[in-house]
């Protein structure tokens, strides 16, 4: 049933040797025995890992619930609800977004959207598109304490309560672990339903649990079949399967071995309608492996180029749909393969095979983490930016504003903060910063902006200009969303990142009910908190503030970057 192939060129012998070694070490069997010594010898960390391996057997538990999940949709429909809005971050939001973008909305299902930002403009756009009395709000948080999610809940509850009064709870459901503050809140506010997930599944490994399946059911996706596809791959990866035929372990070995050989930029190229899959895999890879100075760098959303624009640090992954292959992508990948770049190809029979892909990549990431020598189930550096944000918000409560740092350079309406090396122009400062990227580095654009198509298009042009000029991998993330995905890699991974943080003024702000600060101030504190965390780590980071006219500022930034790269 497996349709995974790999053209690895000169790396093939090392992968085969590693597979044989894993067979001798009984790694597949030990995985299914939930042996934490695969990842660490520390007893305390082993205990924590044992409580994070529920995803290995999640299909059995979820298969039993699939009919109930499908039936749940009928209640909101009978109540006249036509839309759903998922409020979540990271592992709670990325899989639902992939499902929405891949499957769309089935007839009779709810038009589900995902909101995982604190940007006021983005929140306002979603609020205006989905009227409060026709929307089911899905509050999704494993810990039940995710700050952004709870702020969004308060904002949307305030809107619904203004219309429905004490019956507002009928417009909300929660997905969380047992015993969390969110479970208690849902009980107090009379939520329509609380879905309690198995607590031994970490957020980024939760696609096939209730965190992914409840939204899937609301979209009208055949949840039972999605689980059956996952279960087939699970059984194909079982302990008794020879390791060379084990699809999940084999992919993990390729990822781990090629990273050790310097090919640590896992570049996703997926045909439509699977093109959003990389946004989910990005978090899985970055947060699981990006720590202790190591890590795989997922590259999502970077269009395929000609072989000459790439360095010797790429591994390409292509997902295609049977009968709908993109000939342009196929031709480019064949050219890359001829140029000596390793390419993994995975062909899906239809979109429901995403169930299998979620499990394949979870298993592969666990194996890759083992080969890299890291614990793939923790996120030790995520808290650093959160702590900085909390401290800054305390300052807002005390002084009414965030602390300010004098820019190092202001020109043409843009302000740069960080080391500009005495440059006198935007072009010189940005060019000097980006030319610090060497072979094997990556450049990350971190935009604390509304993730609108217009802004994304300009930022994509900037990243491609950097890639083509410097032959380095590029990533693009919108804050604070990326803090819950690649943020761990940025601070805990290899020091090969070169960062450009992009901020702007908000044209209009939104209050957070019950808080002394607004969404705009929260977003600004998150940007500043992450900037400080990166500088404390000694990362190469420059901040660009665009001012009030964001689109004009982005165009100026693009022009300055392109000119600076040519100087």
Protein backbone atom coordinates (compact mmCIF):
# COMPACT_ATOMS: atom_id res chain seq x y z
CA UNK A 1 0.00 0.00 0.00
CA UNK A 2 2.93 2.37 0.58
CA UNK A 3 3.74 4.76 -2.20
CA UNK A 4 6.87 6.35 -0.81
CA UNK A 5 10.02 6.32 -2.93
CA UNK A 6 13.33 8.06 -2.47
CA UNK A 7 16.10 8.98 -4.88
CA UNK A 8 19.01 9.51 -2.51
CA UNK A 9 22.02 9.27 -4.80
CA UNK A 10 25.29 9.09 -2.89
CA UNK A 11 23.45 9.02 0.45
CA UNK A 12 21.76 5.68 -0.27
CA UNK A 13 24.50 3.42 1.25
CA UNK A 14 24.51 5.34 4.56
CA UNK A 15 20.74 5.09 4.83
CA UNK A 16 20.78 1.35 4.14
CA UNK A 17 23.54 0.81 6.70
CA UNK A 18 21.60 2.79 9.30
CA UNK A 19 18.46 0.76 8.60
CA UNK A 20 20.40 -2.44 9.22
CA UNK A 21 21.74 -1.00 12.46
CA UNK A 22 18.25 -0.14 13.64
CA UNK A 23 17.14 -3.68 12.87
CA UNK A 24 19.96 -5.04 15.04
CA UNK A 25 19.03 -2.65 17.83
CA UNK A 26 15.35 -3.70 17.65
CA UNK A 27 14.33 -0.08 17.26
CA UNK A 28 10.87 -0.70 15.68
CA UNK A 29 10.00 -3.20 18.41
CA UNK A 30 11.23 -0.84 21.13
CA UNK A 31 9.17 1.98 19.65
CA UNK A 32 5.99 -0.04 20.04
CA UNK A 33 7.09 -1.13 23.51
CA UNK A 34 7.24 2.64 24.29
CA UNK A 35 10.87 2.39 25.36
CA UNK A 36 11.97 5.96 26.26
CA UNK A 37 15.64 4.94 26.34
CA UNK A 38 15.56 5.36 22.56
CA UNK A 39 15.76 9.11 23.17
CA UNK A 40 17.42 9.67 26.53
CA UNK A 41 19.11 7.95 29.46
CA UNK A 42 17.84 10.52 31.95
CA UNK A 43 15.20 8.86 34.21
CA UNK A 44 13.19 12.07 34.70
CA UNK A 45 13.02 12.76 30.98
CA UNK A 46 12.22 9.11 30.31
CA UNK A 47 9.22 9.42 32.61
CA UNK A 48 8.00 12.49 30.71
CA UNK A 49 8.46 10.78 27.36
CA UNK A 50 6.39 7.79 28.45
CA UNK A 51 3.50 10.22 28.92
CA UNK A 52 3.86 11.57 25.37
CA UNK A 53 3.54 8.38 23.31
CA UNK A 54 -0.24 7.98 23.10
CA UNK A 55 -0.15 8.88 19.39
CA UNK A 56 1.31 5.43 18.66
CA UNK A 57 -2.05 3.79 19.38
CA UNK A 58 -4.42 6.70 18.80
CA UNK A 59 -6.21 5.13 15.82
CA UNK A 60 -7.76 2.41 17.96
CA UNK A 61 -9.16 4.92 20.45
CA UNK A 62 -10.39 7.31 17.77
CA UNK A 63 -11.99 4.60 15.61
CA UNK A 64 -14.35 3.93 18.50
CA UNK A 65 -15.39 7.60 18.51
CA UNK A 66 -15.68 8.26 14.81
CA UNK A 67 -19.45 7.71 14.58
CA UNK A 68 -20.10 9.92 17.62
CA UNK A 69 -18.01 12.67 16.05
CA UNK A 70 -19.97 12.49 12.82
CA UNK A 71 -23.25 12.58 14.76
CA UNK A 72 -22.13 15.65 16.71
CA UNK A 73 -22.46 17.81 13.60
CA UNK A 74 -26.24 17.37 13.61
CA UNK A 75 -26.75 19.36 16.82
CA UNK A 76 -25.26 22.64 15.62
CA UNK A 77 -27.01 22.24 12.28
CA UNK A 78 -30.38 21.78 13.97
CA UNK A 79 -29.64 24.94 16.00
CA UNK A 80 -29.22 26.88 12.76
CA UNK A 81 -25.45 27.24 12.87
CA UNK A 82 -23.73 27.36 9.50
CA UNK A 83 -20.16 28.36 10.38
CA UNK A 84 -17.47 27.23 12.79
CA UNK A 85 -14.47 29.19 14.02
CA UNK A 86 -11.56 27.32 15.58
CA UNK A 87 -9.56 29.33 18.10
CA UNK A 88 -6.21 27.69 18.75
CA UNK A 89 -2.45 27.85 18.26
CA UNK A 90 0.16 25.40 16.95
CA UNK A 91 -0.86 21.78 17.32
CA UNK A 92 -4.45 22.82 17.93
CA UNK A 93 -4.83 24.86 14.76
CA UNK A 94 -2.47 23.60 12.06
CA UNK A 95 -4.08 20.24 11.30
CA UNK A 96 -7.59 21.78 11.15
CA UNK A 97 -6.29 24.40 8.75
CA UNK A 98 -4.74 21.75 6.49
CA UNK A 99 -8.04 19.83 6.51
CA UNK A 100 -10.02 22.96 5.63
CA UNK A 101 -7.71 23.92 2.79
CA UNK A 102 -7.49 20.37 1.44
CA UNK A 103 -11.09 19.17 1.69
CA UNK A 104 -13.11 22.38 1.70
CA UNK A 105 -16.61 22.17 3.20
CA UNK A 106 -18.89 19.20 2.48
CA UNK A 107 -22.58 19.84 1.72
CA UNK A 108 -24.49 20.26 4.98
CA UNK A 109 -21.33 20.75 7.05
CA UNK A 110 -20.10 23.86 8.83
CA UNK A 111 -17.90 26.38 7.05
CA UNK A 112 -14.96 26.14 9.46
CA UNK A 113 -12.21 28.76 9.60
CA UNK A 114 -9.12 28.80 11.78
CA UNK A 115 -7.92 31.82 13.75
CA UNK A 116 -4.44 31.58 15.23
CA UNK A 117 -3.19 35.14 15.46
CA UNK A 118 -3.36 38.19 17.71
CA UNK A 119 -3.26 40.60 14.78
CA UNK A 120 -6.25 42.96 15.21
CA UNK A 121 -6.93 43.34 11.49
CA UNK A 122 -7.00 39.58 10.96
CA UNK A 123 -9.31 39.08 13.94
CA UNK A 124 -11.64 41.80 12.74
CA UNK A 125 -11.83 40.30 9.24
CA UNK A 126 -12.81 36.90 10.62
CA UNK A 127 -15.32 38.39 13.06
CA UNK A 128 -17.03 40.33 10.29
CA UNK A 129 -17.14 37.29 8.00
CA UNK A 130 -18.79 35.01 10.58
CA UNK A 131 -21.78 36.45 12.42
CA UNK A 132 -21.81 35.55 16.12
CA UNK A 133 -25.22 33.86 16.23
CA UNK A 134 -24.61 31.52 13.28
CA UNK A 135 -21.15 30.40 14.38
CA UNK A 136 -19.97 27.54 16.55
CA UNK A 137 -16.72 28.56 18.25
CA UNK A 138 -14.24 25.75 18.90
CA UNK A 139 -11.82 26.66 21.71
CA UNK A 140 -8.90 24.27 21.34
CA UNK A 141 -5.96 24.02 23.75
CA UNK A 142 -4.20 20.95 25.14
CA UNK A 143 -3.07 22.71 28.30
CA UNK A 144 -6.19 24.85 28.52
CA UNK A 145 -3.97 27.83 29.31
CA UNK A 146 -2.77 29.00 25.87
CA UNK A 147 -2.77 32.78 26.21
CA UNK A 148 -3.67 33.70 22.63
CA UNK A 149 -6.52 31.17 22.54
CA UNK A 150 -8.06 32.40 25.78
CA UNK A 151 -7.80 36.03 24.66
CA UNK A 152 -9.61 35.13 21.45
CA UNK A 153 -12.24 33.23 23.43
CA UNK A 154 -12.95 36.27 25.60
CA UNK A 155 -13.27 38.49 22.53
CA UNK A 156 -15.72 36.20 20.72
CA UNK A 157 -17.66 35.26 23.83
CA UNK A 158 -18.23 38.97 24.44
CA UNK A 159 -19.72 39.28 20.95
CA UNK A 160 -22.00 36.28 21.31
CA UNK A 161 -23.07 37.21 24.83
CA UNK A 162 -24.14 40.67 23.60
CA UNK A 163 -26.70 38.91 21.40
CA UNK A 164 -27.52 35.67 23.23
CA UNK A 165 -27.02 36.63 26.86
CA UNK A 166 -26.61 33.67 29.20
CA UNK A 167 -27.26 31.24 26.32
CA UNK A 168 -23.93 32.20 24.72
CA UNK A 169 -22.36 28.91 25.84
CA UNK A 170 -24.40 27.02 23.23
CA UNK A 171 -22.15 28.62 20.63
CA UNK A 172 -18.97 27.18 22.10
CA UNK A 173 -17.27 23.79 22.38
CA UNK A 174 -13.87 23.02 23.88
CA UNK A 175 -11.17 20.50 23.02
CA UNK A 176 -8.66 20.02 25.80
CA UNK A 177 -7.04 17.54 28.16
CA UNK A 178 -8.91 16.34 31.26
CA UNK A 179 -8.65 18.61 34.29
CA UNK A 180 -7.44 21.75 32.54
CA UNK A 181 -8.61 25.31 33.33
CA UNK A 182 -10.37 25.29 29.96
CA UNK A 183 -12.46 22.27 30.96
CA UNK A 184 -13.52 24.08 34.12
CA UNK A 185 -14.23 27.29 32.20
CA UNK A 186 -16.38 25.39 29.71
CA UNK A 187 -18.42 23.93 32.55
CA UNK A 188 -18.91 27.33 34.16
CA UNK A 189 -19.97 28.99 30.89
CA UNK A 190 -22.30 26.20 29.74
CA UNK A 191 -20.44 25.15 26.60
CA UNK A 192 -22.41 22.96 24.19
CA UNK A 193 -19.82 20.19 24.52
CA UNK A 194 -16.37 19.51 25.96
CA UNK A 195 -14.16 17.00 24.12
CA UNK A 196 -11.53 15.55 26.42
CA UNK A 197 -8.50 14.26 24.57
CA UNK A 198 -6.20 11.46 25.75
CA UNK A 199 -3.63 13.36 27.87
CA UNK A 200 -0.65 11.29 26.70
CA UNK A 201 -0.59 12.92 23.26
CA UNK A 202 1.48 16.07 22.74
CA UNK A 203 0.06 18.94 20.72
CA UNK A 204 2.11 18.50 17.56
CA UNK A 205 1.42 14.73 17.55
CA UNK A 206 -2.34 15.27 17.96
CA UNK A 207 -3.55 15.43 14.33
CA UNK A 208 -5.28 12.04 14.57
CA UNK A 209 -6.77 12.74 18.00
CA UNK A 210 -9.79 14.89 18.86
CA UNK A 211 -7.77 18.04 18.13
CA UNK A 212 -7.83 17.12 14.43
CA UNK A 213 -10.92 14.94 14.22
CA UNK A 214 -13.53 17.22 15.80
CA UNK A 215 -12.82 19.96 13.21
CA UNK A 216 -12.73 17.23 10.53
CA UNK A 217 -16.22 16.13 11.55
CA UNK A 218 -17.51 19.71 11.47
CA UNK A 219 -16.18 20.04 7.91
CA UNK A 220 -18.05 16.88 6.92
CA UNK A 221 -14.92 14.80 6.31
CA UNK A 222 -15.33 11.02 6.59
CA UNK A 223 -13.56 10.71 9.95
CA UNK A 224 -13.86 6.93 10.05
CA UNK A 225 -12.09 6.57 6.70
CA UNK A 226 -9.41 9.10 7.66
CA UNK A 227 -8.66 6.94 10.70
CA UNK A 228 -8.70 3.73 8.67
CA UNK A 229 -6.09 5.15 6.28
CA UNK A 230 -3.91 6.10 9.25
CA UNK A 231 -4.38 2.66 10.75
CA UNK A 232 -3.17 0.98 7.56
CA UNK A 233 0.09 2.87 7.69
CA UNK A 234 0.35 2.22 11.42
CA UNK A 235 0.10 -1.52 10.77
CA UNK A 236 2.58 -1.26 7.89
CA UNK A 237 4.98 0.30 10.41
CA UNK A 238 4.38 -2.25 13.17
CA UNK A 239 7.14 -3.84 15.19
CA UNK A 240 7.18 -7.09 13.22
CA UNK A 241 7.71 -5.39 9.86
CA UNK A 242 11.34 -5.58 8.65
CA UNK A 243 12.84 -2.16 9.07
CA UNK A 244 13.70 -1.68 5.39
CA UNK A 245 10.00 -2.08 4.58
CA UNK A 246 8.76 0.06 7.46
CA UNK A 247 7.56 3.33 5.83
CA UNK A 248 7.63 5.50 8.94
CA UNK A 249 10.99 4.29 10.22
CA UNK A 250 12.52 4.42 6.76
CA UNK A 251 11.49 8.05 6.29
CA UNK A 252 12.86 8.90 9.73
CA UNK A 253 16.20 7.30 8.91
CA UNK A 254 16.44 9.29 5.67
CA UNK A 255 15.71 12.53 7.52
CA UNK A 256 18.22 11.76 10.27
CA UNK A 257 21.02 10.45 8.06
CA UNK A 258 20.81 13.25 5.53
CA UNK A 259 20.74 15.85 8.30
CA UNK A 260 23.97 14.36 9.65
CA UNK A 261 25.42 14.73 6.15
CA UNK A 262 24.45 18.43 6.02
CA UNK A 263 21.16 18.00 4.15
CA UNK A 264 19.06 19.38 7.01
CA UNK A 265 16.71 21.68 5.03
CA UNK A 266 13.59 19.57 4.45
CA UNK A 267 11.92 21.37 1.55
CA UNK A 268 8.25 20.57 0.95
CA UNK A 269 6.71 20.70 -2.51
CA UNK A 270 3.14 19.43 -2.55
CA UNK A 271 0.75 19.52 -5.49
CA UNK A 272 -2.73 21.02 -5.10
CA UNK A 273 -4.90 20.35 -3.13
CA UNK A 274 -2.24 19.06 -0.71
CA UNK A 275 -0.13 22.21 -0.78
CA UNK A 276 -0.91 23.20 2.82
CA UNK A 277 0.44 19.93 4.27
CA UNK A 278 3.85 21.51 4.86
CA UNK A 279 2.40 24.01 7.36
CA UNK A 280 1.49 21.11 9.65
CA UNK A 281 4.72 19.19 9.03
CA UNK A 282 6.71 22.37 9.65
CA UNK A 283 5.69 22.47 13.30
CA UNK A 284 6.17 18.75 13.77
CA UNK A 285 9.75 18.81 12.46
CA UNK A 286 10.87 22.17 13.85
CA UNK A 287 9.49 21.85 17.36
CA UNK A 288 10.41 18.18 17.72
CA UNK A 289 14.00 18.33 16.48
CA UNK A 290 15.08 21.98 16.83
CA UNK A 291 16.86 21.91 20.17
CA UNK A 292 20.24 21.43 21.81
CA UNK A 293 21.90 23.16 18.83
CA UNK A 294 20.57 20.56 16.38
CA UNK A 295 17.53 20.20 14.21
CA UNK A 296 15.83 19.76 10.88
CA UNK A 297 14.87 23.03 9.18
CA UNK A 298 11.50 22.63 7.44
CA UNK A 299 11.10 24.83 4.37
CA UNK A 300 7.44 25.31 3.56
CA UNK A 301 5.90 27.51 0.90
CA UNK A 302 9.14 28.26 -0.98
CA UNK A 303 8.43 27.66 -4.71
CA UNK A 304 10.69 25.20 -6.51
CA UNK A 305 13.55 26.80 -8.43
CA UNK A 306 16.27 25.70 -10.80
CA UNK A 307 19.12 23.53 -9.43
CA UNK A 308 21.60 26.41 -9.42
CA UNK A 309 19.71 28.40 -6.76
CA UNK A 310 20.22 25.69 -4.14
CA UNK A 311 23.15 24.89 -1.93
CA UNK A 312 24.21 21.40 -0.83
CA UNK A 313 21.92 21.39 2.21
CA UNK A 314 18.53 20.45 0.76
CA UNK A 315 16.31 17.37 0.93
CA UNK A 316 13.19 17.72 -1.22
CA UNK A 317 9.86 16.08 -0.37
CA UNK A 318 7.11 15.92 -2.97
CA UNK A 319 3.51 14.97 -2.20
CA UNK A 320 1.25 14.31 -5.17
CA UNK A 321 -2.26 13.07 -5.78
CA UNK A 322 -2.79 10.13 -8.11
CA UNK A 323 -4.08 11.31 -11.46
CA UNK A 324 -3.52 14.97 -10.58
CA UNK A 325 0.25 15.27 -10.67
CA UNK A 326 1.63 18.71 -11.51
CA UNK A 327 3.91 18.22 -14.55
CA UNK A 328 5.78 21.44 -13.78
CA UNK A 329 6.71 20.24 -10.30
CA UNK A 330 7.63 16.82 -11.64
CA UNK A 331 9.97 18.33 -14.22
CA UNK A 332 11.67 20.60 -11.67
CA UNK A 333 12.17 17.72 -9.24
CA UNK A 334 13.65 15.55 -11.98
CA UNK A 335 16.07 18.38 -12.76
CA UNK A 336 17.00 18.65 -9.08
CA UNK A 337 17.52 14.90 -8.88
CA UNK A 338 19.80 15.02 -11.93
CA UNK A 339 21.66 17.84 -10.18
CA UNK A 340 22.46 15.55 -7.26
CA UNK A 341 19.79 16.64 -4.81
CA UNK A 342 17.97 13.89 -2.87
CA UNK A 343 14.23 13.69 -3.49
CA UNK A 344 11.51 11.83 -1.59
CA UNK A 345 8.24 11.23 -3.43
CA UNK A 346 4.98 10.26 -1.75
CA UNK A 347 1.89 9.65 -3.86
CA UNK A 348 -1.58 9.72 -2.29
CA UNK A 349 -4.58 7.98 -3.86
CA UNK A 350 -6.97 10.69 -2.64
CA UNK A 351 -6.98 13.39 0.08
CA UNK A 352 -8.17 10.94 2.75
CA UNK A 353 -4.68 9.43 2.60
CA UNK A 354 -3.65 12.46 4.66
CA UNK A 355 -4.63 10.27 7.62
CA UNK A 356 -1.73 7.98 6.71
CA UNK A 357 0.61 10.93 6.15
CA UNK A 358 -0.05 12.37 9.58
CA UNK A 359 1.04 9.09 11.13
CA UNK A 360 3.97 8.53 8.76
CA UNK A 361 5.49 11.89 9.59
CA UNK A 362 4.89 11.57 13.33
CA UNK A 363 6.71 8.23 13.40
CA UNK A 364 9.47 9.47 11.11
CA UNK A 365 10.04 12.55 13.25
CA UNK A 366 10.33 10.44 16.39
CA UNK A 367 12.96 8.28 14.65
CA UNK A 368 14.82 11.29 13.26
CA UNK A 369 14.90 12.80 16.75
CA UNK A 370 16.44 9.59 18.04
CA UNK A 371 19.17 9.71 15.38
CA UNK A 372 19.84 13.39 16.11
CA UNK A 373 20.12 12.63 19.82
CA UNK A 374 17.29 14.91 20.97
CA UNK A 375 14.02 14.39 22.80
CA UNK A 376 11.36 14.99 20.13
CA UNK A 377 8.55 15.36 22.66
CA UNK A 378 9.54 18.49 24.58
CA UNK A 379 9.91 22.17 23.61
CA UNK A 380 12.43 23.62 26.07
CA UNK A 381 12.90 27.02 24.39
CA UNK A 382 9.30 27.96 23.64
CA UNK A 383 8.86 29.27 27.15
CA UNK A 384 11.63 31.87 26.78
CA UNK A 385 9.63 34.13 24.48
CA UNK A 386 6.49 33.57 26.58
CA UNK A 387 8.32 34.63 29.72
CA UNK A 388 9.60 37.78 28.01
CA UNK A 389 6.09 38.56 26.74
CA UNK A 390 4.59 38.11 30.21
CA UNK A 391 7.22 40.44 31.68
CA UNK A 392 6.53 43.06 29.01
CA UNK A 393 2.78 42.84 29.56
CA UNK A 394 3.36 43.44 33.25
CA UNK A 395 5.19 46.59 32.20
CA UNK A 396 2.18 47.58 30.09
CA UNK A 397 -0.10 47.10 33.09
CA UNK A 398 2.23 49.27 35.18
CA UNK A 399 3.22 52.00 32.74
CA UNK A 400 0.51 51.76 30.09
CA UNK A 401 2.97 51.13 27.26
CA UNK A 402 5.78 48.87 26.12
CA UNK A 403 9.42 49.87 26.69
CA UNK A 404 10.98 51.42 23.60
CA UNK A 405 14.41 50.83 22.10
CA UNK A 406 15.95 53.54 19.95
CA UNK A 407 16.30 52.31 16.33
CA UNK A 408 19.82 51.98 14.97
CA UNK A 409 18.78 53.43 11.61
CA UNK A 410 15.69 55.24 10.33
CA UNK A 411 15.25 55.94 6.63
CA UNK A 412 12.46 56.12 4.03
CA UNK A 413 9.82 55.54 6.69
CA UNK A 414 11.39 52.29 7.93
CA UNK A 415 13.20 51.84 11.24
CA UNK A 416 15.87 49.17 11.82
CA UNK A 417 16.73 47.87 15.29
CA UNK A 418 19.77 45.69 15.89
CA UNK A 419 23.31 45.61 14.57
CA UNK A 420 23.48 47.64 11.35
CA UNK A 421 27.28 47.87 11.48
CA UNK A 422 27.38 51.64 10.97
CA UNK A 423 25.41 51.50 7.70
CA UNK A 424 23.88 54.80 6.61
CA UNK A 425 21.18 53.50 4.26
CA UNK A 426 18.50 50.84 4.36
CA UNK A 427 20.04 49.10 1.38
CA UNK A 428 23.49 48.94 2.97
CA UNK A 429 22.17 47.77 6.34
CA UNK A 430 19.87 45.08 4.94
CA UNK A 431 22.41 43.97 2.38
CA UNK A 432 25.14 43.62 5.02
CA UNK A 433 22.80 41.68 7.31
CA UNK A 434 21.69 39.24 4.62
CA UNK A 435 25.21 38.75 3.28
CA UNK A 436 26.14 37.29 6.63
CA UNK A 437 24.27 34.16 5.49
CA UNK A 438 26.76 31.48 4.47
CA UNK A 439 26.42 28.07 2.88
CA UNK A 440 24.24 25.91 5.10
CA UNK A 441 22.47 28.84 6.76
CA UNK A 442 18.81 29.73 6.42
CA UNK A 443 17.06 33.10 6.43
CA UNK A 444 13.80 33.40 8.37
CA UNK A 445 11.32 36.20 7.71
CA UNK A 446 9.19 36.65 10.83
CA UNK A 447 6.30 38.98 10.08
CA UNK A 448 4.05 40.21 12.88
CA UNK A 449 1.43 41.29 10.34
CA UNK A 450 -2.00 40.33 9.13
CA UNK A 451 -1.33 37.11 7.13
CA UNK A 452 -3.23 38.51 4.16
CA UNK A 453 -2.62 37.28 0.58
CA UNK A 454 -1.37 40.74 -0.43
CA UNK A 455 1.27 40.91 2.30
CA UNK A 456 2.23 37.28 1.78
CA UNK A 457 2.86 37.91 -1.93
CA UNK A 458 5.34 40.71 -1.22
CA UNK A 459 7.09 38.70 1.49
CA UNK A 460 7.34 35.72 -0.85
CA UNK A 461 9.05 37.95 -3.40
CA UNK A 462 11.52 39.06 -0.72
CA UNK A 463 12.35 35.51 0.35
CA UNK A 464 12.91 34.40 -3.24
CA UNK A 465 15.21 37.33 -3.88
CA UNK A 466 17.25 36.28 -0.84
CA UNK A 467 17.29 32.60 -1.84
CA UNK A 468 18.36 33.26 -5.38
CA UNK A 469 21.02 35.79 -4.43
CA UNK A 470 22.53 33.91 -1.48
CA UNK A 471 21.63 30.27 -2.37
CA UNK A 472 20.28 29.72 1.13
CA UNK A 473 17.04 28.22 2.37
CA UNK A 474 14.34 30.70 3.37
CA UNK A 475 11.32 30.45 5.64
CA UNK A 476 8.36 32.76 6.12
CA UNK A 477 6.26 32.82 9.27
CA UNK A 478 3.57 35.12 10.60
CA UNK A 479 3.70 36.02 14.27
CA UNK A 480 2.71 34.97 16.78
CA UNK A 481 1.68 31.81 14.94
CA UNK A 482 5.24 30.71 14.16
CA UNK A 483 6.20 30.96 17.83
CA UNK A 484 4.23 27.73 18.21
CA UNK A 485 5.97 26.00 15.28
CA UNK A 486 9.39 27.15 14.11
CA UNK A 487 9.96 29.34 17.18
CA UNK A 488 11.53 26.42 19.05
CA UNK A 489 13.97 25.78 16.20
CA UNK A 490 14.89 29.46 15.94
CA UNK A 491 16.04 29.62 19.54
CA UNK A 492 17.02 26.03 20.32
CA UNK A 493 18.21 24.70 16.97
CA UNK A 494 21.50 25.12 15.13
CA UNK A 495 22.89 28.62 14.98
CA UNK A 496 22.47 28.65 11.21
CA UNK A 497 19.48 30.97 11.23
CA UNK A 498 19.62 34.59 10.08
CA UNK A 499 16.50 36.44 11.14
CA UNK A 500 14.54 39.44 9.89
CA UNK A 501 11.69 40.42 12.17
CA UNK A 502 9.05 42.65 10.58
CA UNK A 503 6.59 44.75 12.60
CA UNK A 504 4.19 47.61 11.85
CA UNK A 505 1.63 49.92 13.39
CA UNK A 506 -1.93 48.58 13.62
CA UNK A 507 -4.39 50.81 11.77
CA UNK A 508 -7.05 49.96 14.35
CA UNK A 509 -6.86 47.96 17.54
CA UNK A 510 -9.22 45.62 19.38
CA UNK A 511 -9.75 45.28 23.13
CA UNK A 512 -9.32 42.02 25.00
CA UNK A 513 -12.22 41.89 27.46
CA UNK A 514 -10.99 41.80 31.04
CA UNK A 515 -7.41 42.81 30.17
CA UNK A 516 -5.53 46.09 30.55
CA UNK A 517 -3.99 45.66 27.10
CA UNK A 518 -5.31 45.23 23.57
CA UNK A 519 -4.62 42.63 20.90
CA UNK A 520 -2.28 45.11 19.25
CA UNK A 521 -0.26 45.53 22.43
CA UNK A 522 -0.23 41.77 22.98
CA UNK A 523 1.14 41.21 19.47
CA UNK A 524 3.75 43.95 19.95
CA UNK A 525 4.83 42.39 23.26
CA UNK A 526 5.13 38.98 21.62
CA UNK A 527 7.31 40.42 18.86
CA UNK A 528 9.54 42.28 21.30
CA UNK A 529 9.69 39.29 23.65
CA UNK A 530 10.86 37.01 20.85
CA UNK A 531 13.33 39.60 19.59
CA UNK A 532 14.86 39.79 23.06
CA UNK A 533 14.94 36.00 23.43
CA UNK A 534 16.79 35.67 20.12
CA UNK A 535 19.33 38.32 21.04
CA UNK A 536 19.90 36.66 24.42
CA UNK A 537 20.75 33.51 22.42
CA UNK A 538 23.22 35.46 20.28
CA UNK A 539 21.17 34.95 17.13
CA UNK A 540 21.77 37.17 14.10
CA UNK A 541 18.57 39.20 14.08
CA UNK A 542 17.50 42.57 12.67
CA UNK A 543 14.13 44.19 13.26
CA UNK A 544 12.37 46.26 10.59
CA UNK A 545 9.44 48.45 11.62
CA UNK A 546 7.29 49.41 8.65
CA UNK A 547 5.28 52.23 10.20
CA UNK A 548 1.56 52.80 9.64
CA UNK A 549 1.25 52.05 5.90
CA UNK A 550 2.08 48.35 5.90
CA UNK A 551 1.79 47.63 2.20
CA UNK A 552 3.87 50.65 1.22
CA UNK A 553 6.41 49.70 3.87
CA UNK A 554 6.65 46.17 2.54
CA UNK A 555 7.27 47.46 -0.97
CA UNK A 556 10.05 49.73 0.36
CA UNK A 557 11.51 46.80 2.25
CA UNK A 558 11.47 44.64 -0.87
CA UNK A 559 13.19 47.33 -2.92
CA UNK A 560 15.82 47.85 -0.23
CA UNK A 561 16.50 44.12 0.14
CA UNK A 562 16.85 43.61 -3.60
CA UNK A 563 19.15 46.63 -3.92
CA UNK A 564 21.16 45.65 -0.85
CA UNK A 565 21.79 42.15 -2.15
CA UNK A 566 23.27 43.60 -5.32
CA UNK A 567 25.64 46.02 -3.57
